[in-house]
Amino acid sequence: MAEPDFDAQLSRLFAEPPSFPDAALFNAEVAARLDRGWTMRRLFIGAAGVAAGLFAAVQILTSRFSSEVAELSKNSSHDFETEVSAAVAKVNAVLTAPASAEAVWLAAGLAVVALAFAVTRAVEEF
């Protein structure tokens, strides 16, 4: 009959996986692959966000400026100074006017999405 100490020692030896000489190197390689994949995803998501933001800004500006340019082209006065001052006044009016309702809702939606990303990131870190 086997001794209880020997049985406990034998069960502990077989409960642990064998240690290989390159275990630390293997762990480092796996961690590097995971970090590289996460970095690429972060860069891709950031680039996609910047591209989408630029696209949205261009769409908003062109929709607002196209109506102003159409109004200026209807003006049939040929006095250059009057046209330039009218154009500057229109551009100033467009830039200082409050945004349309769609732009406000778009900004609110993007703020909610950014807040959700920040919360999920904070949860992952802690």
N, C-alpha and C. Protein backbone atom coordinates (compact mmCIF):
# COMPACT_ATOMS: atom_id res chain seq x y z
N MET A 1 0.83 -1.16 0.00
CA MET A 1 0.00 0.00 0.00
C MET A 1 0.89 1.24 0.00
N ALA A 2 0.47 2.26 -0.79
CA ALA A 2 1.28 3.47 -0.95
C ALA A 2 1.06 4.41 0.22
N GLU A 3 2.09 5.18 0.49
CA GLU A 3 1.99 6.16 1.58
C GLU A 3 1.17 7.36 1.13
N PRO A 4 0.45 8.04 2.04
CA PRO A 4 -0.37 9.20 1.66
C PRO A 4 0.49 10.37 1.15
N ASP A 5 1.68 10.55 1.69
CA ASP A 5 2.53 11.64 1.19
C ASP A 5 2.95 11.40 -0.25
N PHE A 6 3.28 10.15 -0.56
CA PHE A 6 3.69 9.82 -1.92
C PHE A 6 2.52 10.02 -2.88
N ASP A 7 1.32 9.63 -2.48
CA ASP A 7 0.14 9.82 -3.34
C ASP A 7 -0.13 11.32 -3.58
N ALA A 8 0.00 12.13 -2.56
CA ALA A 8 -0.22 13.58 -2.71
C ALA A 8 0.83 14.19 -3.62
N GLN A 9 2.10 13.75 -3.45
CA GLN A 9 3.17 14.27 -4.30
C GLN A 9 2.97 13.84 -5.74
N LEU A 10 2.57 12.60 -5.96
CA LEU A 10 2.35 12.08 -7.31
C LEU A 10 1.18 12.82 -7.98
N SER A 11 0.11 13.06 -7.25
CA SER A 11 -1.03 13.78 -7.85
C SER A 11 -0.66 15.23 -8.18
N ARG A 12 0.18 15.87 -7.36
CA ARG A 12 0.64 17.23 -7.67
C ARG A 12 1.51 17.24 -8.92
N LEU A 13 2.38 16.25 -9.08
CA LEU A 13 3.24 16.20 -10.26
C LEU A 13 2.44 16.03 -11.54
N PHE A 14 1.40 15.21 -11.51
CA PHE A 14 0.61 15.00 -12.71
C PHE A 14 -0.46 16.06 -12.92
N ALA A 15 -0.73 16.88 -11.92
CA ALA A 15 -1.71 17.96 -12.07
C ALA A 15 -1.12 19.15 -12.82
N GLU A 16 0.19 19.33 -12.78
CA GLU A 16 0.85 20.45 -13.46
C GLU A 16 1.30 20.02 -14.85
N PRO A 17 1.13 20.89 -15.85
CA PRO A 17 1.63 20.54 -17.18
C PRO A 17 3.16 20.57 -17.19
N PRO A 18 3.76 19.80 -18.08
CA PRO A 18 5.23 19.79 -18.13
C PRO A 18 5.75 21.15 -18.59
N SER A 19 6.91 21.53 -18.08
CA SER A 19 7.51 22.79 -18.45
C SER A 19 8.53 22.55 -19.56
N PHE A 20 8.40 23.31 -20.64
CA PHE A 20 9.34 23.20 -21.75
C PHE A 20 10.40 24.28 -21.61
N PRO A 21 11.58 24.05 -22.16
CA PRO A 21 12.64 25.05 -22.01
C PRO A 21 12.35 26.37 -22.72
N ASP A 22 11.52 26.37 -23.74
CA ASP A 22 11.23 27.61 -24.47
C ASP A 22 9.85 28.18 -24.13
N ALA A 23 9.35 27.87 -22.93
CA ALA A 23 8.01 28.33 -22.55
C ALA A 23 7.94 29.86 -22.48
N ALA A 24 8.96 30.51 -21.97
CA ALA A 24 8.95 31.97 -21.86
C ALA A 24 8.95 32.62 -23.26
N LEU A 25 9.74 32.05 -24.18
CA LEU A 25 9.78 32.57 -25.55
C LEU A 25 8.43 32.38 -26.23
N PHE A 26 7.81 31.23 -26.03
CA PHE A 26 6.50 30.97 -26.62
C PHE A 26 5.46 31.97 -26.09
N ASN A 27 5.48 32.20 -24.79
CA ASN A 27 4.54 33.17 -24.21
C ASN A 27 4.77 34.57 -24.77
N ALA A 28 6.02 34.96 -24.95
CA ALA A 28 6.34 36.28 -25.49
C ALA A 28 5.86 36.40 -26.94
N GLU A 29 6.03 35.34 -27.74
CA GLU A 29 5.59 35.37 -29.14
C GLU A 29 4.07 35.47 -29.24
N VAL A 30 3.36 34.72 -28.41
CA VAL A 30 1.90 34.77 -28.43
C VAL A 30 1.42 36.16 -27.99
N ALA A 31 2.02 36.71 -26.95
CA ALA A 31 1.63 38.04 -26.48
C ALA A 31 1.91 39.10 -27.55
N ALA A 32 3.04 38.96 -28.27
CA ALA A 32 3.36 39.92 -29.33
C ALA A 32 2.35 39.85 -30.47
N ARG A 33 1.94 38.65 -30.83
CA ARG A 33 0.94 38.51 -31.90
C ARG A 33 -0.39 39.12 -31.50
N LEU A 34 -0.79 38.88 -30.27
CA LEU A 34 -2.05 39.46 -29.80
C LEU A 34 -1.98 40.98 -29.75
N ASP A 35 -0.86 41.53 -29.28
CA ASP A 35 -0.71 42.98 -29.22
C ASP A 35 -0.68 43.59 -30.62
N ARG A 36 0.00 42.93 -31.55
CA ARG A 36 0.08 43.45 -32.91
C ARG A 36 -1.31 43.46 -33.54
N GLY A 37 -2.09 42.41 -33.33
CA GLY A 37 -3.45 42.36 -33.88
C GLY A 37 -4.32 43.46 -33.30
N TRP A 38 -4.20 43.72 -31.99
CA TRP A 38 -5.00 44.75 -31.36
C TRP A 38 -4.59 46.13 -31.85
N THR A 39 -3.30 46.33 -32.05
CA THR A 39 -2.81 47.62 -32.55
C THR A 39 -3.34 47.89 -33.96
N MET A 40 -3.33 46.87 -34.80
CA MET A 40 -3.84 47.04 -36.16
C MET A 40 -5.33 47.36 -36.14
N ARG A 41 -6.08 46.69 -35.29
CA ARG A 41 -7.51 46.97 -35.20
C ARG A 41 -7.76 48.40 -34.73
N ARG A 42 -6.99 48.85 -33.74
CA ARG A 42 -7.16 50.21 -33.25
C ARG A 42 -6.84 51.22 -34.36
N LEU A 43 -5.75 50.99 -35.09
CA LEU A 43 -5.38 51.91 -36.18
C LEU A 43 -6.45 51.92 -37.27
N PHE A 44 -6.97 50.76 -37.61
CA PHE A 44 -7.99 50.67 -38.66
C PHE A 44 -9.27 51.37 -38.21
N ILE A 45 -9.69 51.16 -36.97
CA ILE A 45 -10.91 51.80 -36.47
C ILE A 45 -10.72 53.31 -36.42
N GLY A 46 -9.55 53.76 -35.99
CA GLY A 46 -9.28 55.19 -35.95
C GLY A 46 -9.28 55.81 -37.34
N ALA A 47 -8.65 55.14 -38.29
CA ALA A 47 -8.62 55.66 -39.66
C ALA A 47 -10.02 55.68 -40.27
N ALA A 48 -10.80 54.66 -39.99
CA ALA A 48 -12.18 54.63 -40.50
C ALA A 48 -13.00 55.76 -39.88
N GLY A 49 -12.79 56.03 -38.61
CA GLY A 49 -13.50 57.13 -37.96
C GLY A 49 -13.13 58.48 -38.53
N VAL A 50 -11.84 58.68 -38.78
CA VAL A 50 -11.39 59.95 -39.37
C VAL A 50 -11.96 60.11 -40.77
N ALA A 51 -11.93 59.04 -41.57
CA ALA A 51 -12.47 59.11 -42.93
C ALA A 51 -13.97 59.40 -42.90
N ALA A 52 -14.69 58.75 -42.01
CA ALA A 52 -16.13 58.99 -41.91
C ALA A 52 -16.42 60.42 -41.45
N GLY A 53 -15.63 60.93 -40.52
CA GLY A 53 -15.81 62.30 -40.06
C GLY A 53 -15.55 63.31 -41.16
N LEU A 54 -14.50 63.08 -41.93
CA LEU A 54 -14.21 63.98 -43.05
C LEU A 54 -15.32 63.93 -44.10
N PHE A 55 -15.80 62.73 -44.38
CA PHE A 55 -16.88 62.57 -45.34
C PHE A 55 -18.14 63.31 -44.87
N ALA A 56 -18.47 63.17 -43.59
CA ALA A 56 -19.65 63.84 -43.05
C ALA A 56 -19.47 65.36 -43.09
N ALA A 57 -18.28 65.83 -42.74
CA ALA A 57 -18.04 67.27 -42.76
C ALA A 57 -18.16 67.83 -44.17
N VAL A 58 -17.60 67.11 -45.13
CA VAL A 58 -17.68 67.57 -46.53
C VAL A 58 -19.13 67.58 -46.99
N GLN A 59 -19.90 66.55 -46.63
CA GLN A 59 -21.30 66.51 -47.04
C GLN A 59 -22.09 67.66 -46.43
N ILE A 60 -21.85 67.94 -45.16
CA ILE A 60 -22.58 69.03 -44.51
C ILE A 60 -22.21 70.37 -45.12
N LEU A 61 -20.91 70.58 -45.32
CA LEU A 61 -20.48 71.86 -45.88
C LEU A 61 -20.95 72.06 -47.31
N THR A 62 -20.86 71.01 -48.12
CA THR A 62 -21.27 71.17 -49.52
C THR A 62 -22.77 71.37 -49.63
N SER A 63 -23.54 70.75 -48.76
CA SER A 63 -24.99 70.96 -48.84
C SER A 63 -25.35 72.39 -48.44
N ARG A 64 -24.62 72.95 -47.49
CA ARG A 64 -24.92 74.32 -47.07
C ARG A 64 -24.35 75.33 -48.07
N PHE A 65 -23.15 75.08 -48.58
CA PHE A 65 -22.54 76.03 -49.49
C PHE A 65 -23.16 75.98 -50.88
N SER A 66 -23.69 74.83 -51.29
CA SER A 66 -24.27 74.76 -52.63
C SER A 66 -25.49 75.66 -52.74
N SER A 67 -26.28 75.74 -51.68
CA SER A 67 -27.44 76.64 -51.74
C SER A 67 -26.98 78.10 -51.75
N GLU A 68 -25.92 78.40 -51.03
CA GLU A 68 -25.41 79.78 -51.01
C GLU A 68 -24.81 80.15 -52.37
N VAL A 69 -24.09 79.23 -52.99
CA VAL A 69 -23.50 79.50 -54.30
C VAL A 69 -24.59 79.65 -55.34
N ALA A 70 -25.64 78.84 -55.25
CA ALA A 70 -26.75 78.97 -56.20
C ALA A 70 -27.43 80.32 -56.06
N GLU A 71 -27.56 80.79 -54.84
CA GLU A 71 -28.17 82.10 -54.62
C GLU A 71 -27.28 83.21 -55.17
N LEU A 72 -25.96 83.06 -54.99
CA LEU A 72 -25.04 84.07 -55.51
C LEU A 72 -25.03 84.08 -57.04
N SER A 73 -25.17 82.91 -57.67
CA SER A 73 -25.13 82.87 -59.13
C SER A 73 -26.40 83.46 -59.73
N LYS A 74 -27.50 83.47 -58.98
CA LYS A 74 -28.72 84.09 -59.48
C LYS A 74 -28.61 85.61 -59.50
N ASN A 75 -27.74 86.12 -58.65
CA ASN A 75 -27.56 87.56 -58.57
C ASN A 75 -26.92 88.04 -59.86
N SER A 76 -27.55 88.94 -60.54
CA SER A 76 -27.07 89.34 -61.87
C SER A 76 -26.25 90.62 -61.88
N SER A 77 -25.88 91.13 -60.71
CA SER A 77 -25.09 92.36 -60.71
C SER A 77 -23.67 92.05 -61.16
N HIS A 78 -23.08 92.96 -61.87
CA HIS A 78 -21.75 92.74 -62.43
C HIS A 78 -20.68 93.55 -61.71
N ASP A 79 -21.03 94.22 -60.67
CA ASP A 79 -20.06 94.98 -59.91
C ASP A 79 -19.24 94.00 -59.08
N PHE A 80 -17.95 93.91 -59.35
CA PHE A 80 -17.09 92.91 -58.72
C PHE A 80 -17.00 93.10 -57.21
N GLU A 81 -16.82 94.34 -56.76
CA GLU A 81 -16.69 94.60 -55.33
C GLU A 81 -17.97 94.25 -54.59
N THR A 82 -19.10 94.55 -55.19
CA THR A 82 -20.38 94.22 -54.56
C THR A 82 -20.54 92.70 -54.46
N GLU A 83 -20.17 92.00 -55.52
CA GLU A 83 -20.28 90.54 -55.50
C GLU A 83 -19.35 89.92 -54.46
N VAL A 84 -18.13 90.43 -54.37
CA VAL A 84 -17.18 89.89 -53.41
C VAL A 84 -17.64 90.15 -51.99
N SER A 85 -18.11 91.34 -51.72
CA SER A 85 -18.59 91.65 -50.37
C SER A 85 -19.83 90.84 -50.04
N ALA A 86 -20.70 90.61 -51.02
CA ALA A 86 -21.88 89.78 -50.79
C ALA A 86 -21.48 88.33 -50.53
N ALA A 87 -20.47 87.85 -51.27
CA ALA A 87 -20.00 86.48 -51.07
C ALA A 87 -19.37 86.31 -49.69
N VAL A 88 -18.58 87.28 -49.28
CA VAL A 88 -17.96 87.22 -47.96
C VAL A 88 -19.02 87.26 -46.88
N ALA A 89 -20.04 88.08 -47.06
CA ALA A 89 -21.13 88.15 -46.08
C ALA A 89 -21.88 86.83 -46.02
N LYS A 90 -22.13 86.22 -47.18
CA LYS A 90 -22.83 84.94 -47.20
C LYS A 90 -22.00 83.84 -46.53
N VAL A 91 -20.70 83.80 -46.80
CA VAL A 91 -19.84 82.80 -46.18
C VAL A 91 -19.80 82.99 -44.67
N ASN A 92 -19.70 84.24 -44.24
CA ASN A 92 -19.72 84.51 -42.80
C ASN A 92 -21.05 84.09 -42.19
N ALA A 93 -22.14 84.34 -42.90
CA ALA A 93 -23.45 83.94 -42.39
C ALA A 93 -23.56 82.42 -42.28
N VAL A 94 -23.02 81.72 -43.27
CA VAL A 94 -23.07 80.26 -43.24
C VAL A 94 -22.20 79.71 -42.11
N LEU A 95 -21.02 80.29 -41.93
CA LEU A 95 -20.12 79.78 -40.90
C LEU A 95 -20.59 80.10 -39.49
N THR A 96 -21.29 81.21 -39.32
CA THR A 96 -21.74 81.58 -37.98
C THR A 96 -23.15 81.12 -37.68
N ALA A 97 -23.88 80.66 -38.67
CA ALA A 97 -25.25 80.19 -38.44
C ALA A 97 -25.22 78.87 -37.68
N PRO A 98 -26.23 78.65 -36.85
CA PRO A 98 -26.27 77.36 -36.15
C PRO A 98 -26.49 76.22 -37.13
N ALA A 99 -26.07 75.04 -36.73
CA ALA A 99 -26.17 73.88 -37.61
C ALA A 99 -27.62 73.45 -37.75
N SER A 100 -27.87 72.69 -38.79
CA SER A 100 -29.22 72.20 -39.00
C SER A 100 -29.55 71.10 -37.99
N ALA A 101 -30.80 70.71 -37.94
CA ALA A 101 -31.23 69.70 -36.97
C ALA A 101 -30.55 68.35 -37.24
N GLU A 102 -30.34 68.03 -38.51
CA GLU A 102 -29.68 66.76 -38.83
C GLU A 102 -28.26 66.72 -38.29
N ALA A 103 -27.56 67.84 -38.42
CA ALA A 103 -26.18 67.89 -37.93
C ALA A 103 -26.13 67.78 -36.42
N VAL A 104 -27.10 68.38 -35.74
CA VAL A 104 -27.14 68.28 -34.28
C VAL A 104 -27.40 66.85 -33.85
N TRP A 105 -28.35 66.17 -34.51
CA TRP A 105 -28.63 64.77 -34.17
C TRP A 105 -27.45 63.88 -34.52
N LEU A 106 -26.77 64.17 -35.62
CA LEU A 106 -25.58 63.40 -35.98
C LEU A 106 -24.49 63.57 -34.94
N ALA A 107 -24.27 64.78 -34.49
CA ALA A 107 -23.26 65.02 -33.46
C ALA A 107 -23.64 64.33 -32.16
N ALA A 108 -24.92 64.36 -31.80
CA ALA A 108 -25.36 63.69 -30.57
C ALA A 108 -25.18 62.18 -30.68
N GLY A 109 -25.50 61.62 -31.82
CA GLY A 109 -25.32 60.18 -32.02
C GLY A 109 -23.85 59.79 -31.96
N LEU A 110 -22.99 60.58 -32.58
CA LEU A 110 -21.57 60.29 -32.53
C LEU A 110 -21.01 60.42 -31.12
N ALA A 111 -21.54 61.36 -30.36
CA ALA A 111 -21.11 61.51 -28.97
C ALA A 111 -21.51 60.30 -28.14
N VAL A 112 -22.70 59.76 -28.38
CA VAL A 112 -23.14 58.55 -27.67
C VAL A 112 -22.26 57.37 -28.04
N VAL A 113 -21.93 57.23 -29.31
CA VAL A 113 -21.06 56.13 -29.74
C VAL A 113 -19.67 56.27 -29.12
N ALA A 114 -19.14 57.48 -29.11
CA ALA A 114 -17.82 57.70 -28.50
C ALA A 114 -17.85 57.40 -27.01
N LEU A 115 -18.92 57.77 -26.35
CA LEU A 115 -19.05 57.47 -24.91
C LEU A 115 -19.13 55.97 -24.68
N ALA A 116 -19.84 55.26 -25.55
CA ALA A 116 -19.93 53.80 -25.42
C ALA A 116 -18.56 53.16 -25.61
N PHE A 117 -17.79 53.63 -26.59
CA PHE A 117 -16.44 53.09 -26.79
C PHE A 117 -15.56 53.39 -25.58
N ALA A 118 -15.67 54.58 -25.02
CA ALA A 118 -14.86 54.92 -23.85
C ALA A 118 -15.23 54.05 -22.65
N VAL A 119 -16.51 53.80 -22.46
CA VAL A 119 -16.93 52.95 -21.33
C VAL A 119 -16.44 51.52 -21.51
N THR A 120 -16.57 50.98 -22.72
CA THR A 120 -16.09 49.60 -22.94
C THR A 120 -14.58 49.52 -22.77
N ARG A 121 -13.87 50.52 -23.18
CA ARG A 121 -12.41 50.52 -23.00
C ARG A 121 -12.05 50.59 -21.53
N ALA A 122 -12.77 51.42 -20.78
CA ALA A 122 -12.50 51.52 -19.33
C ALA A 122 -12.82 50.22 -18.62
N VAL A 123 -13.88 49.54 -19.04
CA VAL A 123 -14.24 48.27 -18.43
C VAL A 123 -13.16 47.22 -18.73
N GLU A 124 -12.63 47.22 -19.95
CA GLU A 124 -11.59 46.25 -20.32
C GLU A 124 -10.31 46.50 -19.53
N GLU A 125 -9.99 47.76 -19.26
CA GLU A 125 -8.74 48.08 -18.56
C GLU A 125 -8.80 47.73 -17.10
N PHE A 126 -9.96 47.87 -16.48
CA PHE A 126 -10.08 47.63 -15.05
C PHE A 126 -10.86 46.41 -14.82
